[in-house]
Every structure is written in structure tokens, then in C-alpha cells.
Amino acid sequence: MNDIYQTSTDTIIAELEAGTVSWIRPWTGAADPFPRNAVSQRPYRGINTVLLGLEAHCRGYNSQQWMTFRQAQKAADYLLEHASLVAPAEAMPIAA
């Protein structure tokens, strides 16, 4: 497993070297610009706020909703149990 502290430091340095001005508000005007857990809606605190905000910025995410790996697994299990097979409309041949 790679060192999270080194990875985070490297990312911050790369953003600064690229000219990202870290003291200017990075959010886009969304109602709540701070990282929250998508399931519990609890805001993240401490260094997780910085790390998740930086991750969203670097990847161009529009949402600050996050979940743990276990929460994602549980959501995926639910989706698989309740999924339906569908085909895009453009894939369906139209009979004349």
C-alpha cells in the first residue's frame, strides 16, 4: 500500500507547481461545497476535508458526496438485487 501522506503531499505540490492558487475558493457555488458522506450526510473533518476536496478538484468531480468502500459495496449489492435489464432506445430495431 502506498504512503497516503507522501501521495497527498506530492499531489498538493504538483497542484501548486501547476499554478493552482490554493487560497482561492475551489468550489463552484454548490449549496454545500464541503465533502460529506453520501449515506449519512455527515461532513468529513480534519485532513479528510482537504484530501477529499483536493481529489474532487483534481478529478473534476462536480459533487462532494463520498462513501466508504463498504458503503459502496452495500449500494452495489442493492443495485444488483434490484436491477432490470434495459437496452438503449437506439439499439432497438424499429419494425416497419
C-alpha atoms as a PDB file:
ATOM      1  CA  MET A   1       0.000   0.000   0.000  1.00  0.00           C
ATOM      2  CA  ASN A   2       1.416   3.370  -0.936  1.00  0.00           C
ATOM      3  CA  ASP A   3       2.043   6.037   1.668  1.00  0.00           C
ATOM      4  CA  ILE A   4      -1.054   8.258   1.833  1.00  0.00           C
ATOM      5  CA  TYR A   5       0.917  11.131   3.324  1.00  0.00           C
ATOM      6  CA  GLN A   6       3.503  11.116   0.551  1.00  0.00           C
ATOM      7  CA  THR A   7       0.837  10.759  -2.136  1.00  0.00           C
ATOM      8  CA  SER A   8      -1.125  13.676  -0.681  1.00  0.00           C
ATOM      9  CA  THR A   9       1.982  15.835  -0.371  1.00  0.00           C
ATOM     10  CA  ASP A  10       3.023  15.045  -3.942  1.00  0.00           C
ATOM     11  CA  THR A  11      -0.452  15.957  -5.224  1.00  0.00           C
ATOM     12  CA  ILE A  12      -0.523  19.264  -3.353  1.00  0.00           C
ATOM     13  CA  ILE A  13       2.967  20.180  -4.594  1.00  0.00           C
ATOM     14  CA  ALA A  14       2.034  19.257  -8.169  1.00  0.00           C
ATOM     15  CA  GLU A  15      -1.078  21.472  -7.974  1.00  0.00           C
ATOM     16  CA  LEU A  16       0.959  24.386  -6.608  1.00  0.00           C
ATOM     17  CA  GLU A  17       3.624  23.939  -9.290  1.00  0.00           C
ATOM     18  CA  ALA A  18       0.866  23.873 -11.926  1.00  0.00           C
ATOM     19  CA  GLY A  19      -0.244  27.298 -10.744  1.00  0.00           C
ATOM     20  CA  THR A  20      -3.294  26.280  -8.736  1.00  0.00           C
ATOM     21  CA  VAL A  21      -3.949  29.019  -6.232  1.00  0.00           C
ATOM     22  CA  SER A  22      -4.918  27.048  -3.152  1.00  0.00           C
ATOM     23  CA  TRP A  23      -6.228  30.000  -1.165  1.00  0.00           C
ATOM     24  CA  ILE A  24      -8.912  30.869  -3.711  1.00  0.00           C
ATOM     25  CA  ARG A  25     -12.224  29.135  -3.186  1.00  0.00           C
ATOM     26  CA  PRO A  26     -12.103  25.917  -5.262  1.00  0.00           C
ATOM     27  CA  TRP A  27     -15.806  25.157  -5.204  1.00  0.00           C
ATOM     28  CA  THR A  28     -18.270  26.101  -7.894  1.00  0.00           C
ATOM     29  CA  GLY A  29     -21.112  27.602  -5.879  1.00  0.00           C
ATOM     30  CA  ALA A  30     -22.862  24.379  -4.941  1.00  0.00           C
ATOM     31  CA  ALA A  31     -25.106  24.586  -1.898  1.00  0.00           C
ATOM     32  CA  ASP A  32     -22.581  22.735   0.264  1.00  0.00           C
ATOM     33  CA  PRO A  33     -19.021  22.781  -1.067  1.00  0.00           C
ATOM     34  CA  PHE A  34     -17.576  20.617   1.684  1.00  0.00           C
ATOM     35  CA  PRO A  35     -17.090  16.833   1.487  1.00  0.00           C
ATOM     36  CA  ARG A  36     -19.939  14.821   3.015  1.00  0.00           C
ATOM     37  CA  ASN A  37     -20.665  11.156   3.398  1.00  0.00           C
ATOM     38  CA  ALA A  38     -23.300  10.326   0.775  1.00  0.00           C
ATOM     39  CA  VAL A  39     -25.060   7.839   3.054  1.00  0.00           C
ATOM     40  CA  SER A  40     -25.011   9.516   6.473  1.00  0.00           C
ATOM     41  CA  GLN A  41     -24.700  13.127   5.168  1.00  0.00           C
ATOM     42  CA  ARG A  42     -22.154  13.771   7.919  1.00  0.00           C
ATOM     43  CA  PRO A  43     -19.422  16.218   6.881  1.00  0.00           C
ATOM     44  CA  TYR A  44     -15.873  14.924   6.789  1.00  0.00           C
ATOM     45  CA  ARG A  45     -13.465  16.613   9.189  1.00  0.00           C
ATOM     46  CA  GLY A  46      -9.787  17.316   9.571  1.00  0.00           C
ATOM     47  CA  ILE A  47      -7.343  16.218   6.900  1.00  0.00           C
ATOM     48  CA  ASN A  48     -10.086  14.227   5.145  1.00  0.00           C
ATOM     49  CA  THR A  49     -11.728  17.531   4.183  1.00  0.00           C
ATOM     50  CA  VAL A  50      -8.515  18.624   2.471  1.00  0.00           C
ATOM     51  CA  LEU A  51      -7.783  15.257   0.850  1.00  0.00           C
ATOM     52  CA  LEU A  52     -11.307  14.729  -0.498  1.00  0.00           C
ATOM     53  CA  GLY A  53     -11.603  18.321  -1.688  1.00  0.00           C
ATOM     54  CA  LEU A  54      -8.277  18.016  -3.491  1.00  0.00           C
ATOM     55  CA  GLU A  55      -9.309  14.699  -5.039  1.00  0.00           C
ATOM     56  CA  ALA A  56     -12.571  16.198  -6.308  1.00  0.00           C
ATOM     57  CA  HIS A  57     -10.696  19.183  -7.739  1.00  0.00           C
ATOM     58  CA  CYS A  58      -8.008  17.069  -9.464  1.00  0.00           C
ATOM     59  CA  ARG A  59     -10.554  14.689 -10.994  1.00  0.00           C
ATOM     60  CA  GLY A  60     -13.050  17.381 -11.955  1.00  0.00           C
ATOM     61  CA  TYR A  61     -15.875  15.968  -9.827  1.00  0.00           C
ATOM     62  CA  ASN A  62     -18.971  18.140  -9.522  1.00  0.00           C
ATOM     63  CA  SER A  63     -20.165  16.505  -6.315  1.00  0.00           C
ATOM     64  CA  GLN A  64     -18.645  16.470  -2.853  1.00  0.00           C
ATOM     65  CA  GLN A  65     -20.551  13.321  -1.879  1.00  0.00           C
ATOM     66  CA  TRP A  66     -18.317  10.443  -0.830  1.00  0.00           C
ATOM     67  CA  MET A  67     -18.800   6.981   0.641  1.00  0.00           C
ATOM     68  CA  THR A  68     -16.664   4.340   2.205  1.00  0.00           C
ATOM     69  CA  PHE A  69     -15.697   1.189   0.336  1.00  0.00           C
ATOM     70  CA  ARG A  70     -18.158  -0.855   2.427  1.00  0.00           C
ATOM     71  CA  GLN A  71     -20.966   1.607   1.761  1.00  0.00           C
ATOM     72  CA  ALA A  72     -20.237   1.373  -1.975  1.00  0.00           C
ATOM     73  CA  GLN A  73     -20.261  -2.427  -1.812  1.00  0.00           C
ATOM     74  CA  LYS A  74     -23.589  -2.388   0.013  1.00  0.00           C
ATOM     75  CA  ALA A  75     -25.042   0.026  -2.554  1.00  0.00           C
ATOM     76  CA  ALA A  76     -23.753  -2.136  -5.420  1.00  0.00           C
ATOM     77  CA  ASP A  77     -25.293  -5.246  -3.842  1.00  0.00           C
ATOM     78  CA  TYR A  78     -28.619  -3.430  -3.548  1.00  0.00           C
ATOM     79  CA  LEU A  79     -28.450  -2.280  -7.168  1.00  0.00           C
ATOM     80  CA  LEU A  80     -27.633  -5.776  -8.388  1.00  0.00           C
ATOM     81  CA  GLU A  81     -30.570  -7.232  -6.431  1.00  0.00           C
ATOM     82  CA  HIS A  82     -32.988  -4.647  -7.837  1.00  0.00           C
ATOM     83  CA  ALA A  83     -31.589  -4.254 -11.352  1.00  0.00           C
ATOM     84  CA  SER A  84     -33.564  -4.663 -14.544  1.00  0.00           C
ATOM     85  CA  LEU A  85     -32.209  -5.411 -17.987  1.00  0.00           C
ATOM     86  CA  VAL A  86     -32.699  -2.479 -20.357  1.00  0.00           C
ATOM     87  CA  ALA A  87     -31.415  -1.629 -23.793  1.00  0.00           C
ATOM     88  CA  PRO A  88     -30.787   1.885 -25.104  1.00  0.00           C
ATOM     89  CA  ALA A  89     -33.532   3.065 -27.460  1.00  0.00           C
ATOM     90  CA  GLU A  90     -31.116   3.493 -30.353  1.00  0.00           C
ATOM     91  CA  ALA A  91     -30.173  -0.192 -30.065  1.00  0.00           C
ATOM     92  CA  MET A  92     -33.750  -1.379 -30.567  1.00  0.00           C
ATOM     93  CA  PRO A  93     -34.730  -2.121 -34.174  1.00  0.00           C
ATOM     94  CA  ILE A  94     -37.938  -0.451 -35.244  1.00  0.00           C
ATOM     95  CA  ALA A  95     -40.262  -2.691 -37.245  1.00  0.00           C
ATOM     96  CA  ALA A  96     -41.853  -1.037 -40.263  1.00  0.00           C
END
